[in-house]
């Protein structure tokens, strides 16, 4: 099945208008590849964020930026970069598939993208031969096979943007696949999506460190069927060592449901552990401020809402509670999230929403304190 024999239709995403093979796929999520070249409209939000990040990076870099869209499929991400980002940059839009390469060339030509070039290479071979300031890798499945070469191919102070869609593995559907693939033990629990994301981020940090490079997390998030991380890549063994000190383990008390992080694993009952994983910050607050300055893309409500939560969550401690879990533990009606956050803050604790769950709360309050706050009766004498 090739694009020549498959009906092509024009789709619009952002400011790009590209040709893609007609697909019968209607469901959201990872879906199935039912056309010679894959295009997933459910990942448009992922690409929205990448446009915002790259625009800010081009502005901050102050010189020509070489960009690689490593697994481009239809080329929509690279085309969007060309159509929506202002500044001095070039984009290599690559895919190993000949059908994809042919379609990418068509889309570059019809979009008049003079600063883009189509490439038809195995990604690992390309990464082994060339370096770039910004590399974007968005595979169908795990990103593990490309991470070693990717962390070496990003130039000093460049950005690696990488997606993985094997969320079931990272969230603990089976311990052995995660151990085999990421060298880390997962955990099925209420906060498993954060554990999975931290395992993924930690794997990239550890992989970069092997080559005396530091992969500093700038923005890491989970959204539906995928996880996405942006790293600043820096040269130097000392920088890599400093990040390795922020590797550790997540722990859950199976009796009380309390949770904690530490630099070492614990196998003592009733505690259950996951890791090794990244226990440092998932968001760089200064970077978030820079990339969320007034921009056209930030006018999209879903994008603005997500950035608002990320900013609130940037200084939050690791691991979160859901109101459903807390209500079950303390046998109270589940409180509204914002109400619980207000009560925690009024009692002197840090508290914020989390992008991992609309019912999630991040706080530095000990579990027993949360219980006392939940059981507090309203003061009827208050106005």
Protein backbone atom coordinates (compact mmCIF):
# COMPACT_ATOMS: atom_id res chain seq x y z
CA UNK A 1 0.00 0.00 0.00
CA UNK A 2 1.57 3.30 -1.07
CA UNK A 3 0.51 6.92 -1.10
CA UNK A 4 0.31 6.80 -4.90
CA UNK A 5 -2.53 4.28 -4.75
CA UNK A 6 -4.14 5.69 -1.59
CA UNK A 7 -6.56 8.61 -1.61
CA UNK A 8 -5.01 11.79 -0.20
CA UNK A 9 -7.04 14.42 1.62
CA UNK A 10 -6.06 17.88 2.81
CA UNK A 11 -6.18 18.56 6.53
CA UNK A 12 -5.56 21.74 8.48
CA UNK A 13 -3.66 21.87 11.74
CA UNK A 14 -2.44 25.14 13.15
CA UNK A 15 -1.35 27.18 10.14
CA UNK A 16 -0.38 24.11 8.14
CA UNK A 17 -2.42 22.60 5.33
CA UNK A 18 -1.01 19.23 4.35
CA UNK A 19 -1.95 16.10 2.45
CA UNK A 20 -2.45 12.86 4.38
CA UNK A 21 -3.79 9.45 3.30
CA UNK A 22 -7.50 9.12 4.00
CA UNK A 23 -8.04 7.12 7.18
CA UNK A 24 -11.09 5.34 8.53
CA UNK A 25 -9.82 5.87 12.06
CA UNK A 26 -12.29 7.78 14.25
CA UNK A 27 -11.23 7.05 17.83
CA UNK A 28 -8.86 9.14 19.89
CA UNK A 29 -5.66 7.84 21.44
CA UNK A 30 -2.82 5.79 19.95
CA UNK A 31 -5.08 3.93 17.53
CA UNK A 32 -3.86 1.78 14.68
CA UNK A 33 -1.89 2.53 11.55
CA UNK A 34 -4.47 1.97 8.81
CA UNK A 35 -2.85 4.06 6.07
CA UNK A 36 0.59 4.00 4.39
CA UNK A 37 1.56 7.19 6.25
CA UNK A 38 0.40 7.72 9.82
CA UNK A 39 -1.31 10.93 10.92
CA UNK A 40 -2.85 11.13 14.40
CA UNK A 41 -5.11 14.16 14.96
CA UNK A 42 -5.19 13.32 18.68
CA UNK A 43 -1.55 14.45 18.88
CA UNK A 44 -2.30 17.98 17.63
CA UNK A 45 -2.15 19.24 21.21
CA UNK A 46 1.30 17.69 21.59
CA UNK A 47 2.40 19.57 18.48
CA UNK A 48 0.83 22.83 19.75
CA UNK A 49 3.13 22.70 22.78
CA UNK A 50 6.17 21.91 20.61
CA UNK A 51 5.50 25.01 18.49
CA UNK A 52 5.45 27.17 21.64
CA UNK A 53 8.65 25.63 23.02
CA UNK A 54 10.60 25.85 19.77
CA UNK A 55 9.52 29.45 19.16
CA UNK A 56 10.87 30.46 22.58
CA UNK A 57 14.07 28.48 21.99
CA UNK A 58 14.69 30.13 18.61
CA UNK A 59 14.25 33.53 20.25
CA UNK A 60 16.59 32.70 23.14
CA UNK A 61 19.27 31.03 20.98
CA UNK A 62 20.16 34.22 19.16
CA UNK A 63 21.60 32.43 16.13
CA UNK A 64 20.52 30.01 13.45
CA UNK A 65 18.87 26.92 14.94
CA UNK A 66 19.10 23.51 13.26
CA UNK A 67 15.94 21.49 13.96
CA UNK A 68 15.26 17.80 13.40
CA UNK A 69 11.77 16.30 13.23
CA UNK A 70 13.10 12.77 13.49
CA UNK A 71 10.04 10.56 12.93
CA UNK A 72 7.88 12.84 10.87
CA UNK A 73 5.38 10.52 9.12
CA UNK A 74 3.25 13.06 7.20
CA UNK A 75 5.60 15.89 8.15
CA UNK A 76 2.90 17.88 9.92
CA UNK A 77 5.06 18.89 12.90
CA UNK A 78 7.94 20.11 10.74
CA UNK A 79 5.56 21.92 8.38
CA UNK A 80 3.92 23.62 11.36
CA UNK A 81 7.36 24.72 12.58
CA UNK A 82 7.99 26.35 9.20
CA UNK A 83 4.58 28.03 8.98
CA UNK A 84 4.18 29.17 12.58
CA UNK A 85 7.62 29.93 14.02
CA UNK A 86 9.44 33.20 13.37
CA UNK A 87 13.22 33.49 13.40
CA UNK A 88 16.36 32.02 11.88
CA UNK A 89 16.06 28.23 11.74
CA UNK A 90 16.08 25.25 9.38
CA UNK A 91 14.12 22.02 9.69
CA UNK A 92 15.13 18.53 8.60
CA UNK A 93 11.90 16.53 8.31
CA UNK A 94 12.91 12.89 8.42
CA UNK A 95 11.24 9.51 8.16
CA UNK A 96 12.70 6.12 7.24
CA UNK A 97 9.60 5.16 5.21
CA UNK A 98 9.83 5.86 1.47
CA UNK A 99 6.08 6.53 1.37
CA UNK A 100 6.43 9.08 4.16
CA UNK A 101 9.44 10.69 2.52
CA UNK A 102 7.54 11.11 -0.74
CA UNK A 103 4.58 12.68 1.05
CA UNK A 104 6.83 14.95 3.13
CA UNK A 105 8.41 16.27 -0.06
CA UNK A 106 4.96 17.02 -1.51
CA UNK A 107 3.89 18.81 1.66
CA UNK A 108 7.07 20.88 1.81
CA UNK A 109 6.65 21.96 -1.82
CA UNK A 110 2.94 22.82 -1.58
CA UNK A 111 3.53 24.68 1.71
CA UNK A 112 6.40 26.75 0.24
CA UNK A 113 8.71 25.85 3.14
CA UNK A 114 12.05 27.16 1.88
CA UNK A 115 13.81 26.41 5.17
CA UNK A 116 12.79 22.73 5.27
CA UNK A 117 14.35 19.65 3.69
CA UNK A 118 12.94 16.12 3.48
CA UNK A 119 15.15 13.28 4.69
CA UNK A 120 14.73 9.52 4.18
CA UNK A 121 17.04 8.01 6.79
CA UNK A 122 17.02 5.49 9.61
CA UNK A 123 16.82 7.80 12.62
CA UNK A 124 19.65 6.21 14.58
CA UNK A 125 21.95 6.38 11.57
CA UNK A 126 21.08 10.05 11.04
CA UNK A 127 21.65 10.87 14.72
CA UNK A 128 25.02 9.13 14.56
CA UNK A 129 26.17 11.35 11.70
CA UNK A 130 24.72 14.81 12.39
CA UNK A 131 24.07 17.07 15.35
CA UNK A 132 21.21 19.50 15.86
CA UNK A 133 20.20 22.29 18.24
CA UNK A 134 16.68 20.94 18.69
CA UNK A 135 15.64 17.32 18.17
CA UNK A 136 12.03 16.15 18.28
CA UNK A 137 11.29 12.43 18.41
CA UNK A 138 7.68 11.25 18.43
CA UNK A 139 7.57 7.48 17.87
CA UNK A 140 4.66 5.08 17.63
CA UNK A 141 5.48 3.18 20.84
CA UNK A 142 8.54 3.40 23.05
CA UNK A 143 11.30 5.94 22.49
CA UNK A 144 13.97 3.78 24.14
CA UNK A 145 15.71 2.61 20.91
CA UNK A 146 16.54 6.22 19.98
CA UNK A 147 17.50 7.82 23.29
CA UNK A 148 21.21 6.88 23.36
CA UNK A 149 21.90 8.45 19.98
CA UNK A 150 19.54 11.35 20.58
CA UNK A 151 21.20 12.58 23.78
CA UNK A 152 24.55 12.56 21.96
CA UNK A 153 23.28 14.33 18.83
CA UNK A 154 21.87 17.42 20.59
CA UNK A 155 24.38 20.26 20.69
CA UNK A 156 25.42 21.85 24.00
CA UNK A 157 22.54 23.87 25.48
CA UNK A 158 20.17 22.43 22.89
CA UNK A 159 16.79 20.78 23.51
CA UNK A 160 15.67 17.19 23.18
CA UNK A 161 11.88 16.83 22.92
CA UNK A 162 10.76 13.24 23.14
CA UNK A 163 7.46 11.37 23.35
CA UNK A 164 6.72 7.82 24.42
CA UNK A 165 3.36 6.05 24.11
CA UNK A 166 4.10 2.86 26.04
CA UNK A 167 2.24 4.23 29.05
CA UNK A 168 0.88 0.83 30.10
CA UNK A 169 4.43 -0.43 30.58
CA UNK A 170 5.52 2.65 32.49
CA UNK A 171 2.40 2.64 34.66
CA UNK A 172 2.88 -0.89 35.87
CA UNK A 173 0.76 -3.21 33.72
CA UNK A 174 3.67 -5.60 34.04
CA UNK A 175 6.82 -5.10 36.09
CA UNK A 176 9.17 -7.14 33.89
CA UNK A 177 8.62 -5.19 30.63
CA UNK A 178 9.38 -1.93 32.45
CA UNK A 179 12.44 -3.38 34.16
CA UNK A 180 13.65 -4.81 30.85
CA UNK A 181 13.05 -1.61 28.87
CA UNK A 182 13.78 1.14 31.40
CA UNK A 183 15.76 -0.63 34.12
CA UNK A 184 13.16 0.46 36.66
CA UNK A 185 10.32 -1.10 38.62
CA UNK A 186 6.88 0.52 38.05
CA UNK A 187 3.94 0.69 40.43
CA UNK A 188 0.22 0.36 39.77
CA UNK A 189 -1.37 2.87 42.15
CA UNK A 190 -3.45 6.04 42.20
CA UNK A 191 -0.43 8.13 41.18
CA UNK A 192 0.99 5.64 38.65
CA UNK A 193 1.05 8.17 35.80
CA UNK A 194 3.45 10.36 37.73
CA UNK A 195 5.57 7.34 38.64
CA UNK A 196 5.65 6.31 34.97
CA UNK A 197 6.60 9.80 33.79
CA UNK A 198 9.37 10.00 36.40
CA UNK A 199 10.70 6.59 35.30
CA UNK A 200 10.79 7.83 31.70
CA UNK A 201 12.48 11.12 32.62
CA UNK A 202 14.94 9.31 34.86
CA UNK A 203 15.87 6.90 32.10
CA UNK A 204 16.79 9.81 29.80
CA UNK A 205 18.82 11.46 32.60
CA UNK A 206 20.73 8.23 33.28
CA UNK A 207 21.29 7.56 29.58
CA UNK A 208 22.73 11.03 28.97
CA UNK A 209 24.99 10.67 32.01
CA UNK A 210 26.68 7.64 30.41
CA UNK A 211 28.10 10.04 27.83
CA UNK A 212 29.08 12.77 30.35
CA UNK A 213 26.06 14.81 29.37
CA UNK A 214 23.34 16.30 31.55
CA UNK A 215 19.70 16.00 30.42
CA UNK A 216 18.01 18.65 32.56
CA UNK A 217 14.19 18.34 32.60
CA UNK A 218 12.49 21.54 31.50
CA UNK A 219 8.93 20.36 30.96
CA UNK A 220 7.63 16.83 31.53
CA UNK A 221 3.97 15.92 31.36
CA UNK A 222 1.53 13.07 30.79
CA UNK A 223 -1.49 13.50 28.56
CA UNK A 224 -3.87 10.65 27.79
CA UNK A 225 -2.07 7.87 25.96
CA UNK A 226 1.39 9.49 25.83
CA UNK A 227 4.14 11.06 27.94
CA UNK A 228 6.25 13.95 26.74
CA UNK A 229 9.50 15.46 28.03
CA UNK A 230 11.68 18.41 27.03
CA UNK A 231 15.29 18.34 28.21
CA UNK A 232 18.09 20.87 28.00
CA UNK A 233 21.22 18.94 27.05
CA UNK A 234 24.47 20.17 28.59
CA UNK A 235 28.06 18.96 28.27
CA UNK A 236 30.03 17.93 31.34
CA UNK A 237 30.43 15.02 33.73
CA UNK A 238 29.95 17.25 36.79
CA UNK A 239 26.62 18.50 35.46
CA UNK A 240 25.57 14.90 34.80
CA UNK A 241 26.64 13.86 38.31
CA UNK A 242 24.57 16.66 39.84
CA UNK A 243 21.44 15.38 38.10
CA UNK A 244 22.12 11.80 39.15
CA UNK A 245 21.80 12.99 42.76
CA UNK A 246 18.14 13.67 41.95
CA UNK A 247 17.46 10.05 41.11
CA UNK A 248 15.64 7.96 43.69
CA UNK A 249 12.52 5.94 44.48
CA UNK A 250 8.80 6.47 45.13
CA UNK A 251 7.23 4.63 48.05
CA UNK A 252 3.64 3.80 48.98
CA UNK A 253 2.48 2.49 52.35
CA UNK A 254 -0.03 -0.18 51.36
CA UNK A 255 -1.85 0.09 54.72
CA UNK A 256 -2.12 3.84 55.32
CA UNK A 257 -1.74 5.00 51.67
CA UNK A 258 0.97 7.48 52.73
CA UNK A 259 3.64 8.16 50.13
CA UNK A 260 7.18 9.45 50.10
CA UNK A 261 10.33 9.64 48.02
CA UNK A 262 13.91 8.80 48.95
CA UNK A 263 17.30 8.20 47.40
CA UNK A 264 17.20 4.48 48.24
CA UNK A 265 14.75 1.65 47.64
CA UNK A 266 12.74 0.13 50.47
CA UNK A 267 11.35 -3.39 50.52
CA UNK A 268 10.10 -3.39 54.10
CA UNK A 269 6.41 -4.13 54.45
CA UNK A 270 3.98 -2.44 54.32
CA UNK A 271 5.94 -0.15 51.99
CA UNK A 272 6.04 -0.74 48.24
CA UNK A 273 8.67 0.93 46.03
CA UNK A 274 9.08 2.01 42.41
CA UNK A 275 12.19 3.17 40.60
CA UNK A 276 14.86 4.22 40.10
CA UNK A 277 13.17 7.37 38.83
CA UNK A 278 13.60 11.14 38.66
CA UNK A 279 12.66 12.72 42.01
CA UNK A 280 13.56 16.30 41.07
CA UNK A 281 11.34 18.96 39.56
CA UNK A 282 9.36 18.10 36.43
CA UNK A 283 9.01 21.74 35.39
CA UNK A 284 11.56 24.55 35.24
CA UNK A 285 9.58 27.57 36.49
CA UNK A 286 11.79 30.10 34.68
CA UNK A 287 11.49 28.17 31.43
CA UNK A 288 7.69 28.01 31.80
CA UNK A 289 7.55 31.78 32.26
CA UNK A 290 9.67 32.29 29.15
CA UNK A 291 7.69 30.02 26.85
CA UNK A 292 4.26 31.13 28.10
CA UNK A 293 4.78 34.82 27.37
CA UNK A 294 1.91 36.23 25.25
CA UNK A 295 1.84 34.23 22.04
CA UNK A 296 -0.81 33.44 19.49
CA UNK A 297 -0.85 29.76 20.49
CA UNK A 298 -1.52 30.66 24.12
CA UNK A 299 -4.93 31.99 23.05
CA UNK A 300 -6.13 28.39 22.76
CA UNK A 301 -8.06 27.67 25.96
CA UNK A 302 -6.80 24.13 26.43
CA UNK A 303 -3.18 25.23 26.03
CA UNK A 304 -3.55 28.21 28.38
CA UNK A 305 -5.28 26.03 31.00
CA UNK A 306 -2.49 23.45 30.90
CA UNK A 307 0.24 26.07 31.25
CA UNK A 308 -1.63 27.57 34.19
CA UNK A 309 -1.65 24.21 36.00
CA UNK A 310 2.02 23.54 35.15
CA UNK A 311 3.06 26.89 36.65
CA UNK A 312 1.13 26.10 39.82
CA UNK A 313 2.61 22.60 39.94
CA UNK A 314 6.21 23.64 39.18
CA UNK A 315 7.27 23.94 42.83
CA UNK A 316 5.06 21.11 44.11
CA UNK A 317 6.56 18.10 45.89
CA UNK A 318 6.57 14.77 44.04
CA UNK A 319 3.53 12.46 44.08
CA UNK A 320 -0.12 13.41 44.43
CA UNK A 321 -3.33 12.29 46.10
CA UNK A 322 -6.75 12.06 44.50
CA UNK A 323 -9.80 13.20 46.41
CA UNK A 324 -11.41 9.80 45.76
CA UNK A 325 -8.48 8.03 47.41
CA UNK A 326 -8.50 10.42 50.37
CA UNK A 327 -12.24 10.04 50.88
CA UNK A 328 -11.80 6.26 50.92
CA UNK A 329 -8.92 6.36 53.40
CA UNK A 330 -10.63 8.75 55.83
CA UNK A 331 -14.23 7.70 55.14
CA UNK A 332 -15.48 11.16 54.31
CA UNK A 333 -17.27 12.54 51.31
CA UNK A 334 -14.77 13.48 48.57
CA UNK A 335 -14.16 17.24 48.85
CA UNK A 336 -14.00 19.56 45.86
CA UNK A 337 -10.37 19.88 44.76
CA UNK A 338 -10.20 23.66 45.09
CA UNK A 339 -11.82 23.53 48.52
CA UNK A 340 -9.22 21.04 49.76
CA UNK A 341 -6.39 23.12 48.31
CA UNK A 342 -7.70 26.24 50.08
CA UNK A 343 -7.93 24.40 53.40
CA UNK A 344 -4.42 23.00 53.10
CA UNK A 345 -3.01 26.43 52.28
CA UNK A 346 -4.89 28.08 55.15
CA UNK A 347 -3.25 25.54 57.45
CA UNK A 348 0.21 26.58 56.26
CA UNK A 349 0.92 23.79 53.75
CA UNK A 350 1.83 23.93 50.10
CA UNK A 351 -1.02 22.71 47.90
CA UNK A 352 -1.72 22.81 44.18
CA UNK A 353 -3.64 21.15 41.41
CA UNK A 354 -1.83 18.67 39.18
CA UNK A 355 -2.12 18.05 35.46
CA UNK A 356 -2.04 14.29 36.11
CA UNK A 357 -5.64 14.21 37.34
CA UNK A 358 -8.53 16.70 37.57
CA UNK A 359 -9.18 15.23 41.04
CA UNK A 360 -5.51 15.32 42.06
CA UNK A 361 -3.84 17.44 44.73
CA UNK A 362 -0.14 17.91 45.43
CA UNK A 363 0.83 18.91 48.95
CA UNK A 364 3.64 18.73 51.49
CA UNK A 365 1.14 18.03 54.26
CA UNK A 366 1.59 14.66 56.02
CA UNK A 367 -1.26 12.25 55.39
CA UNK A 368 -2.48 12.41 59.00
CA UNK A 369 -2.70 16.22 58.73
CA UNK A 370 -4.72 15.91 55.53
CA UNK A 371 -7.09 13.60 57.40
CA UNK A 372 -7.57 16.09 60.23
CA UNK A 373 -8.26 18.87 57.75
CA UNK A 374 -10.80 16.74 55.88
CA UNK A 375 -12.61 15.94 59.13
CA UNK A 376 -12.75 19.54 60.30
CA UNK A 377 -16.31 20.74 60.69
CA UNK A 378 -17.11 24.16 59.28
CA UNK A 379 -17.14 26.97 61.82
CA UNK A 380 -20.74 28.13 61.92
CA UNK A 381 -19.73 31.38 63.61
CA UNK A 382 -17.71 32.43 60.57
CA UNK A 383 -19.41 34.81 58.17
